[in-house]
Protein backbone atom coordinates (compact mmCIF):
# COMPACT_ATOMS: atom_id res chain seq x y z
CA MET A 1 -24.85 8.15 -26.60
CA ILE A 2 -26.99 5.82 -24.41
CA GLU A 3 -24.06 3.54 -23.87
CA GLU A 4 -21.85 6.46 -22.90
CA GLU A 5 -24.44 7.71 -20.46
CA LYS A 6 -24.53 4.27 -18.79
CA ILE A 7 -20.71 4.25 -18.46
CA ASN A 8 -20.74 7.74 -16.97
CA LYS A 9 -23.47 6.66 -14.45
CA SER A 10 -21.43 3.61 -13.49
CA LYS A 11 -18.29 5.71 -13.05
CA GLU A 12 -20.26 8.21 -10.92
CA LYS A 13 -21.63 5.38 -8.73
CA ASN A 14 -18.13 3.90 -8.31
CA ARG A 15 -16.77 7.35 -7.28
CA LYS A 16 -19.47 7.70 -4.63
CA ILE A 17 -18.86 4.20 -3.29
CA PHE A 18 -15.05 4.39 -3.24
CA PRO A 19 -14.52 6.50 -0.02
CA ILE A 20 -16.97 4.28 1.89
CA TYR A 21 -15.38 1.18 0.47
CA LYS A 22 -11.89 2.47 1.43
CA MET A 23 -13.03 3.24 4.97
CA PHE A 24 -13.68 -0.52 5.50
CA SER A 25 -11.07 -2.06 3.19
CA TRP A 26 -7.98 0.09 3.00
CA ASP A 27 -6.31 -1.90 5.78
CA LEU A 28 -7.21 -4.19 8.67
CA LEU A 29 -9.34 -2.78 11.44
CA PHE A 30 -9.18 -3.98 15.09
CA TYR A 31 -5.81 -5.48 14.20
CA TYR A 32 -2.60 -3.54 14.27
CA SER A 33 -2.90 -2.23 17.82
CA ILE A 34 -2.91 -5.74 19.19
CA SER A 35 -1.44 -7.87 16.37
CA PHE A 36 1.97 -8.22 18.10
CA LEU A 37 0.29 -8.99 21.41
CA PHE A 38 -1.98 -11.51 19.87
CA LEU A 39 0.80 -13.40 18.16
CA HIS A 40 3.06 -13.12 21.20
CA GLN A 41 0.68 -13.78 24.04
CA ALA A 42 -2.26 -15.65 22.60
CA LYS A 43 -0.27 -17.68 20.05
CA GLY A 44 3.01 -17.93 21.97
CA LEU A 45 5.35 -16.68 19.20
CA SER A 46 8.61 -14.83 20.15
CA ALA A 47 9.38 -11.37 18.87
CA PRO A 48 12.09 -12.63 16.37
CA ASP A 49 9.65 -15.28 15.11
CA ILE A 50 6.90 -12.69 14.57
CA PHE A 51 9.22 -10.49 12.48
CA LEU A 52 10.47 -13.57 10.62
CA GLY A 53 6.93 -14.77 9.83
CA ASN A 54 5.84 -11.32 8.76
CA ALA A 55 8.83 -11.04 6.53
CA PHE A 56 7.36 -13.71 4.28
CA TYR A 57 4.35 -11.43 3.65
CA PRO A 58 6.23 -9.06 1.29
CA ILE A 59 8.16 -12.05 -0.16
CA PHE A 60 4.91 -13.65 -1.25
CA LYS A 61 3.73 -10.27 -2.54
CA VAL A 62 6.88 -9.90 -4.64
CA ILE A 63 6.30 -13.34 -6.11
CA PHE A 64 2.65 -12.90 -6.84
CA GLN A 65 3.20 -9.43 -8.17
CA LEU A 66 4.74 -10.97 -11.27
CA PHE A 67 1.54 -12.87 -12.05
CA ALA A 68 -1.03 -10.28 -10.78
CA PRO A 69 -1.39 -8.35 -14.11
CA LEU A 70 -2.23 -11.70 -15.88
CA VAL A 71 -4.90 -12.41 -13.23
CA ILE A 72 -6.28 -8.91 -13.39
CA ASN A 73 -6.36 -8.86 -17.18
CA GLY A 74 -8.19 -12.14 -17.15
CA LEU A 75 -10.75 -11.40 -14.41
CA GLY A 76 -11.08 -7.68 -14.74
CA LYS A 77 -10.44 -5.02 -12.02
CA ARG A 78 -13.80 -5.44 -10.31
CA LYS A 79 -13.72 -9.17 -9.93
CA SER A 80 -10.04 -9.06 -8.90
CA THR A 81 -10.84 -6.54 -6.14
CA ILE A 82 -13.63 -8.77 -4.89
CA LEU A 83 -11.30 -11.82 -4.96
CA GLY A 84 -8.58 -9.83 -3.12
CA ASN A 85 -11.00 -8.99 -0.30
CA ILE A 86 -12.10 -12.61 -0.02
CA PHE A 87 -8.44 -13.79 0.27
CA ILE A 88 -7.75 -11.23 3.07
CA SER A 89 -10.81 -12.42 4.97
CA ILE A 90 -9.56 -15.99 4.73
CA SER A 91 -6.09 -15.03 5.96
CA ILE A 92 -7.48 -13.54 9.17
CA LEU A 93 -9.59 -16.68 9.73
CA ILE A 94 -6.48 -18.82 9.30
CA MET A 95 -4.66 -16.72 11.86
CA ILE A 96 -7.54 -17.14 14.37
CA LEU A 97 -8.01 -20.90 13.89
CA LEU A 98 -4.54 -22.29 13.36
CA GLY A 99 -2.06 -23.00 16.21
CA GLY A 100 0.81 -20.83 17.29
CA LYS A 101 3.50 -21.83 14.89
CA VAL A 102 5.63 -19.70 12.60
CA THR A 103 4.54 -21.88 9.68
CA ASN A 104 0.88 -21.00 10.34
CA LEU A 105 1.72 -17.32 10.39
CA ILE A 106 3.56 -17.82 7.07
CA ILE A 107 0.47 -19.54 5.53
CA SER A 108 -1.75 -16.70 6.72
CA ASN A 109 0.63 -14.12 5.21
CA LEU A 110 0.67 -16.02 1.91
CA VAL A 111 -3.09 -15.79 1.55
CA MET A 112 -3.14 -12.21 2.74
CA ALA A 113 -0.35 -11.19 0.34
CA ILE A 114 -2.33 -12.48 -2.66
CA GLY A 115 -5.36 -10.50 -1.48
CA PHE A 116 -3.52 -7.22 -0.95
CA VAL A 117 -1.68 -7.51 -4.26
CA LEU A 118 -4.93 -7.93 -6.21
CA LYS A 119 -6.89 -5.19 -4.51
CA GLY A 120 -3.84 -2.85 -4.16
CA ILE A 121 -3.40 -2.64 -7.95
CA CYS A 122 -7.06 -2.66 -8.87
CA GLU A 123 -8.44 -0.05 -6.41
CA ALA A 124 -6.20 2.72 -7.59
CA CYS A 125 -6.83 1.86 -11.27
CA ILE A 126 -10.61 1.78 -10.66
CA LEU A 127 -10.64 5.24 -9.15
CA LYS A 128 -8.36 6.66 -11.82
CA GLU A 129 -10.53 5.38 -14.60
CA CYS A 130 -13.59 6.93 -12.90
CA VAL A 131 -11.98 10.44 -12.65
CA ASN A 132 -9.75 10.76 -15.69
CA THR A 133 -12.57 11.80 -18.05
CA ASP A 134 -13.55 14.88 -15.97
CA LYS A 135 -11.04 17.66 -15.32
CA ASN A 136 -13.17 18.87 -12.34
CA LEU A 137 -12.59 15.63 -10.47
CA SER A 138 -9.47 15.00 -8.41
CA PHE A 139 -8.02 11.52 -7.74
CA SER A 140 -6.17 12.65 -4.62
CA LYS A 141 -9.29 14.39 -3.21
CA ILE A 142 -11.50 11.39 -3.53
CA ASP A 143 -8.81 9.03 -2.35
CA SER A 144 -7.84 11.17 0.65
CA LYS A 145 -11.54 11.38 1.60
CA GLY A 146 -11.62 7.61 1.88
CA SER A 147 -8.36 7.72 3.80
CA VAL A 148 -9.84 10.18 6.30
CA TYR A 149 -12.90 8.02 6.80
CA TYR A 150 -10.64 4.98 7.37
CA TYR A 151 -8.47 6.77 9.94
CA ILE A 152 -11.54 8.07 11.87
CA PHE A 153 -12.94 4.54 11.98
CA ASP A 154 -9.56 3.15 12.83
CA ALA A 155 -9.19 5.57 15.73
CA ILE A 156 -12.60 4.57 17.09
CA SER A 157 -12.00 0.88 16.75
CA SER A 158 -8.42 1.16 18.10
CA ALA A 159 -9.71 2.87 21.26
CA ALA A 160 -11.72 -0.28 22.10
CA THR A 161 -9.29 -2.82 20.85
CA GLY A 162 -6.93 -2.88 23.85
CA PHE A 163 -9.76 -3.32 26.37
CA LEU A 164 -11.42 -6.03 24.21
CA PHE A 165 -8.07 -7.83 24.02
CA VAL A 166 -7.83 -7.87 27.83
CA VAL A 167 -11.30 -9.39 28.04
CA ASN A 168 -10.53 -12.03 25.34
CA PRO A 169 -7.59 -11.75 22.84
CA TYR A 170 -9.68 -13.39 20.12
CA VAL A 171 -12.56 -10.74 20.16
CA PRO A 172 -10.60 -8.08 18.22
CA MET A 173 -9.51 -10.70 15.67
CA TYR A 174 -13.13 -11.82 15.10
CA LEU A 175 -14.14 -8.13 14.63
CA CYS A 176 -11.29 -7.71 12.19
CA PHE A 177 -12.64 -10.70 10.26
CA ALA A 178 -16.19 -9.36 10.33
CA PHE A 179 -15.04 -6.01 8.82
CA CYS A 180 -13.13 -7.82 6.16
CA ILE A 181 -16.39 -9.55 5.18
CA ILE A 182 -18.15 -6.09 5.14
CA ALA A 183 -15.41 -4.78 2.83
CA THR A 184 -15.92 -7.79 0.51
CA LEU A 185 -19.67 -7.15 0.35
CA ILE A 186 -19.15 -3.46 -0.48
CA SER A 187 -16.69 -4.39 -3.23
CA PHE A 188 -19.52 -6.23 -5.01
CA LYS A 189 -21.28 -2.81 -5.34
CA PHE A 190 -18.69 -1.51 -7.81
CA GLU A 191 -20.35 -1.51 -11.25
CA GLN A 192 -18.67 -3.07 -14.23
CA TYR A 193 -18.71 -1.24 -17.53
CA GLU A 194 -17.17 -1.67 -20.89
CA GLU A 195 -15.54 1.29 -22.58
CA LYS A 196 -16.34 1.87 -26.18
CA LYS A 197 -13.77 -0.21 -28.07
CA GLN A 198 -11.89 0.87 -31.15
CA LYS A 199 -11.76 -1.43 -34.20
CA VAL A 200 -11.97 -5.07 -33.16
CA LYS A 201 -10.24 -7.73 -35.16
CA LYS A 202 -9.87 -11.45 -34.61
CA GLU A 203 -6.33 -12.72 -34.56
CA PRO A 204 -4.74 -16.14 -34.25
CA VAL A 205 -4.06 -16.91 -30.60
CA LEU A 206 -0.28 -17.27 -31.17
CA ASP A 207 -0.04 -13.90 -32.95
CA VAL A 208 -2.15 -12.25 -30.25
CA LEU A 209 0.09 -13.64 -27.50
CA THR A 210 3.30 -12.61 -29.31
CA LYS A 211 2.05 -9.05 -29.83
CA LYS A 212 0.76 -8.86 -26.27
CA ILE A 213 4.23 -9.87 -25.00
CA ASN A 214 5.89 -7.35 -27.26
CA ILE A 215 3.61 -4.60 -25.87
CA ALA A 216 4.40 -5.64 -22.33
CA LYS A 217 8.11 -5.49 -23.04
CA LYS A 218 7.76 -1.85 -24.28
CA GLU A 219 5.78 -0.93 -21.19
CA TYR A 220 8.33 -2.38 -18.76
CA ALA A 221 11.14 -0.95 -20.83
CA PHE A 222 9.57 2.56 -20.44
CA ILE A 223 9.29 2.04 -16.66
CA LEU A 224 12.95 0.87 -16.37
CA LYS A 225 14.36 3.60 -18.64
CA SER A 226 12.45 6.49 -17.12
CA LYS A 227 14.91 8.20 -14.75
CA ARG A 228 12.04 10.02 -13.08
CA LEU A 229 10.02 6.84 -12.43
CA HIS A 230 13.17 4.88 -11.53
CA ALA A 231 14.05 7.34 -8.75
CA LEU A 232 10.53 7.37 -7.33
CA LEU A 233 10.34 3.52 -7.25
CA LEU A 234 13.67 3.40 -5.37
CA PHE A 235 12.29 5.89 -2.78
CA MET A 236 9.08 3.87 -2.38
CA CYS A 237 11.17 0.68 -1.82
CA LEU A 238 13.20 2.18 1.04
CA PHE A 239 10.34 4.25 2.61
CA ASN A 240 7.82 1.33 2.61
CA GLY A 241 10.48 -0.79 4.25
CA VAL A 242 10.73 1.48 7.28
CA MET A 243 6.97 1.98 7.33
CA TYR A 244 6.18 -1.81 7.26
CA ILE A 245 8.03 -2.54 10.44
CA ARG A 246 6.64 0.39 12.38
CA SER A 247 3.60 -1.32 13.93
CA ASP A 248 5.48 -4.33 15.38
CA ILE A 249 8.35 -2.18 16.55
CA ALA A 250 5.97 0.17 18.27
CA SER A 251 4.13 -2.67 20.03
CA ASN A 252 7.40 -4.24 21.06
CA ILE A 253 8.63 -0.88 22.40
CA PHE A 254 5.45 -0.48 24.44
CA VAL A 255 5.97 -3.91 25.97
CA ASP A 256 9.63 -3.09 26.64
CA ILE A 257 8.93 0.13 28.49
CA GLY A 258 6.01 -1.39 30.47
CA ILE A 259 2.80 0.05 29.04
CA PRO A 260 -0.27 -2.19 30.14
CA ASN A 261 -2.01 -4.08 27.35
CA GLU A 262 -5.34 -2.23 27.83
CA TYR A 263 -3.76 1.04 26.83
CA PHE A 264 -2.45 -0.27 23.49
CA GLY A 265 -5.81 0.52 21.88
CA ILE A 266 -5.99 4.04 23.24
CA ILE A 267 -2.47 4.74 21.94
CA GLY A 268 -3.50 3.23 18.56
CA ALA A 269 -6.54 5.67 18.53
CA LEU A 270 -4.29 8.66 19.14
CA LEU A 271 -2.00 7.56 16.34
CA ALA A 272 -4.92 7.02 13.99
CA MET A 273 -6.22 10.49 14.74
CA SER A 274 -2.90 12.02 13.83
CA SER A 275 -3.13 10.31 10.44
CA THR A 276 -6.69 11.54 10.05
CA ILE A 277 -5.77 15.12 10.65
CA ALA A 278 -2.67 14.99 8.47
CA THR A 279 -4.43 13.19 5.57
CA SER A 280 -7.19 15.73 5.52
CA LYS A 281 -4.43 18.43 5.13
CA GLN A 282 -2.49 16.55 2.43
CA ASN A 283 -3.20 19.22 -0.17
CA PHE A 284 -1.90 21.93 2.12
CA ILE A 285 1.13 19.84 2.94
CA HIS A 286 1.82 19.28 -0.85
CA LYS A 287 1.40 23.04 -1.66
CA LYS A 288 3.55 24.08 1.33
CA LEU A 289 6.44 21.67 0.79
CA ARG A 290 6.22 21.19 -2.97
CA ASN A 291 9.20 19.12 -4.12
CA LYS A 292 10.60 18.92 -0.58
CA VAL A 293 7.67 16.73 0.70
CA LEU A 294 9.43 13.42 0.24
CA THR A 295 12.53 14.82 1.94
CA PHE A 296 10.45 15.91 4.93
CA PHE A 297 8.67 12.60 5.14
CA SER A 298 11.76 10.38 4.94
CA ILE A 299 14.02 12.41 7.24
CA GLY A 300 11.24 12.98 9.76
CA TRP A 301 10.36 9.27 9.84
CA THR A 302 13.99 8.06 10.34
CA VAL A 303 14.86 10.70 12.96
CA ALA A 304 11.76 9.54 14.86
CA TYR A 305 13.13 5.95 14.96
CA ILE A 306 16.48 7.26 16.21
CA ILE A 307 14.84 9.24 19.05
CA ILE A 308 12.52 6.34 19.92
CA GLY A 309 15.51 4.05 20.20
CA ILE A 310 17.53 6.44 22.32
CA MET A 311 14.69 7.14 24.78
CA ALA A 312 13.85 3.43 25.13
CA ILE A 313 17.52 2.67 25.80
CA LEU A 314 18.12 5.47 28.31
CA LYS A 315 14.74 5.22 30.21
CA ILE A 316 15.70 8.43 32.13
CA ASN A 317 12.15 8.97 33.35
CA TYR A 318 9.18 6.74 32.76
CA THR A 319 6.74 9.53 32.03
CA LEU A 320 9.11 11.55 29.92
CA THR A 321 10.08 8.36 27.99
CA ILE A 322 6.39 7.59 27.20
CA ILE A 323 5.64 11.24 26.20
CA ILE A 324 8.62 11.48 23.75
CA VAL A 325 8.13 8.02 22.28
CA LEU A 326 4.46 8.72 21.73
CA LEU A 327 5.21 12.10 20.10
CA MET A 328 7.69 10.43 17.67
CA MET A 329 5.12 7.72 16.84
CA ILE A 330 2.44 10.44 16.28
CA LEU A 331 4.85 12.16 13.87
CA GLN A 332 5.32 8.95 11.94
CA LYS A 333 1.61 8.27 11.66
CA ALA A 334 0.96 11.90 10.65
CA ILE A 335 3.52 11.32 7.83
CA LYS A 336 2.08 7.95 6.80
CA GLY A 337 -1.42 9.30 6.07
CA PRO A 338 -0.67 11.97 3.47
CA TYR A 339 2.22 9.90 2.08
CA ASN A 340 -0.05 7.06 0.99
CA THR A 341 -2.31 9.47 -0.85
CA LEU A 342 0.40 11.70 -2.37
CA ILE A 343 2.53 8.85 -3.59
CA LYS A 344 -0.40 7.61 -5.66
CA LYS A 345 -0.81 11.07 -7.05
CA TYR A 346 2.81 11.11 -8.09
CA LEU A 347 2.45 7.64 -9.71
CA ASN A 348 -0.59 8.79 -11.61
CA SER A 349 1.46 11.59 -13.20
CA PHE A 350 3.64 8.87 -14.80
CA SER A 351 0.74 6.75 -16.10
CA ASN A 352 -2.02 6.57 -18.67
CA GLU A 353 -4.64 4.02 -19.54
CA HIS A 354 -2.11 1.85 -21.37
CA ILE A 355 0.45 1.42 -18.63
CA ALA A 356 -1.27 2.17 -15.30
CA VAL A 357 -1.53 -1.50 -14.17
CA LYS A 358 2.17 -2.09 -15.03
CA ILE A 359 3.31 0.95 -13.07
CA TYR A 360 1.25 0.11 -10.01
CA SER A 361 2.50 -3.47 -10.24
CA CYS A 362 6.16 -2.31 -10.37
CA ALA A 363 5.49 0.11 -7.48
CA ASN A 364 3.98 -2.59 -5.29
CA LEU A 365 6.84 -4.83 -6.17
CA MET A 366 9.40 -2.27 -5.00
CA GLU A 367 7.45 -1.58 -1.81
CA ASP A 368 7.33 -5.31 -1.02
CA LEU A 369 11.08 -5.66 -1.62
CA GLY A 370 11.66 -2.86 0.94
CA ALA A 371 9.30 -4.47 3.46
CA MET A 372 10.96 -7.88 3.04
CA LEU A 373 14.49 -6.55 3.59
CA ALA A 374 13.48 -4.40 6.55
CA SER A 375 11.63 -7.30 8.25
CA PHE A 376 14.54 -9.73 7.87
CA MET A 377 16.93 -7.07 9.17
CA VAL A 378 14.85 -6.49 12.33
CA SER A 379 14.38 -10.23 12.84
CA ILE A 380 18.14 -10.72 12.77
CA LEU A 381 18.75 -7.68 15.07
CA LEU A 382 16.21 -8.93 17.68
CA ARG A 383 18.08 -12.25 17.94
CA HIS A 384 21.22 -10.38 19.09
CA THR A 385 19.88 -7.20 20.83
CA THR A 386 16.81 -5.45 22.22
CA VAL A 387 14.05 -3.71 20.25
CA ALA A 388 15.33 -0.33 21.46
CA TYR A 389 18.72 -0.85 19.89
CA ALA A 390 17.09 -2.32 16.82
CA SER A 391 15.01 0.89 16.43
CA LEU A 392 18.14 3.01 16.78
CA ILE A 393 20.12 0.95 14.24
CA ILE A 394 17.27 0.96 11.71
CA GLY A 395 16.89 4.70 12.11
CA ILE A 396 20.60 5.47 11.61
CA VAL A 397 21.00 3.08 8.67
CA SER A 398 17.82 4.30 6.91
CA LEU A 399 18.75 7.92 7.51
CA ILE A 400 22.08 7.47 5.77
CA LEU A 401 20.40 5.67 2.85
CA PHE A 402 17.76 8.38 2.49
CA ILE A 403 20.40 11.12 2.36
CA ILE A 404 22.14 9.31 -0.46
CA LEU A 405 18.91 8.56 -2.32
CA LEU A 406 17.51 12.12 -1.94
CA ASP A 407 20.74 13.47 -3.47
CA TYR A 408 20.25 11.03 -6.35
CA MET A 409 16.69 12.19 -6.82
CA LYS A 410 17.58 15.85 -7.08
CA THR A 411 18.21 15.78 -10.82
CA ARG A 412 15.36 13.34 -11.51
CA ILE A 413 12.20 14.35 -9.56
CA GLY A 414 10.68 17.81 -8.91
CA LEU A 415 12.03 19.39 -12.07
CA LYS A 416 10.17 21.74 -14.38
CA PRO A 417 8.21 19.98 -17.20
CA GLU A 418 10.62 21.26 -19.89
CA GLU A 419 13.56 19.88 -18.00
CA TYR A 420 12.47 16.25 -18.36
CA ARG A 421 13.23 14.04 -21.31
CA LYS A 422 10.09 13.07 -23.25
CA GLN A 423 10.80 9.35 -22.51
CA ASP A 424 10.84 10.13 -18.77
CA ILE A 425 7.25 11.50 -18.62
CA GLU A 426 5.32 10.12 -21.54
CA PHE A 427 4.44 6.64 -22.78
CA ASN A 428 2.67 6.31 -26.09
CA PRO A 429 2.18 2.84 -27.50
CA LYS A 430 1.90 4.28 -31.01
CA GLU A 431 5.31 5.92 -30.77
CA ASN A 432 6.84 2.84 -29.21
CA ALA A 433 5.58 0.56 -31.92
CA LYS A 434 7.81 -0.36 -34.88
CA VAL A 435 7.15 1.26 -38.28
CA ASN A 436 4.33 -0.38 -40.25
CA VAL A 437 3.53 -2.78 -37.38
CA VAL A 438 0.00 -2.60 -36.02
CA GLN A 439 -0.03 -2.76 -32.19
CA ILE A 440 -2.75 -4.76 -30.63
CA ASP A 441 -3.84 -4.79 -26.99
CA VAL A 442 -5.58 -8.02 -26.07
CA GLY A 443 -7.33 -9.06 -22.93
CA LEU A 444 -10.63 -9.90 -21.33
CA ASP A 445 -13.13 -7.20 -20.59
CA GLU A 446 -15.12 -7.02 -17.37
CA ARG A 447 -17.76 -9.38 -18.86
CA GLY A 448 -15.24 -11.99 -19.60
CA LYS A 449 -15.23 -11.59 -23.42
CA THR A 450 -11.97 -11.54 -25.35
CA ASN A 451 -11.34 -8.29 -27.23
CA VAL A 452 -8.45 -6.93 -29.35
CA ARG A 453 -7.72 -3.20 -29.53
CA ILE A 454 -6.02 -1.87 -32.56
CA TYR A 455 -3.71 1.14 -32.18
């Protein structure tokens, strides 16, 4: 009982820390409003080179995603989260200190990719473990609270970023680095704990490894065979692709239509506030749209790209162009906020303690594939046309793909519970084990000790 009380206290502390931690660590502060300008003006990279260099970020994430579960199982979720934040801090320092070459941007993206893969998988798992024992606690409520904190802080920081960039383009980058360090320090505050283990039995290393591999095969087989999860992962791949390129396309569009550098931060603040408001209303959005929420998000996002492209091409009136482009970008940011929270909620409905890391790893893998393909596509387009036409083409192509995908998802997502196959919604290692074969889960606990779980 005493041990259980300690675990509950640790979980309670982690739940309290999580929203504050997410406010500083969810994404880079003082960065996205001027990232394109910094690489273009301060480092001298061309627009196609920036998209090309950034395309390697999801490539590295895809590669490291394959090894991430091994690292996380070895270090534990808390230490992996800390390590992830350290890598992200180093990546920003590399971007600041190294010269303006595409290869340096690629190196920075390599280090950043490792960091975001580690923390991206672990953060959601840490929060899920800290709420799944209490029915009165809500993953999405706590997660969205952290998201709202982040967007408020992002709005405040973005408002100053453009003016700071005009004073010295390196000032916002050093501030970004400083807040990465703060996020790292906060991640040390997460408490480690060891759940009460079931029967522990020593096994020969070779037998342990073989059984571990067999269990992993069953887990990935469940992910691949679940039509429900399969459809959601395909959606995440495509949607994250169009989201990933938004920031650089927006900055490039602003430069193209002649918005002064100092106003980039103010625009970034307006966009961040739209995410703040929308994220705080994510429960209302979910209840209002129900199984149409992903349709609204995807169609709204792609139509915004099309309208942005058309207005930037026509340039009928400077003021009208800016207003309509800004409204479409506000719509996109208002979609991005609740999407990031709700998509985790949907993923959690597929997972349990046995398979959560594998599902989040696969989800991140699909998102990175989408980001990689979208970045390469924009890089190629910008070598042959303007960013306005690139936005229009991306919008039309992605709209067509979403219409096809949403039709595919109709019979796989948003059904009544009784309409799903059991293998689509439930993974049970006991049921997936062979008859008369004991299934063993092996790994390192948070204290670094090897343990074997018998199911």
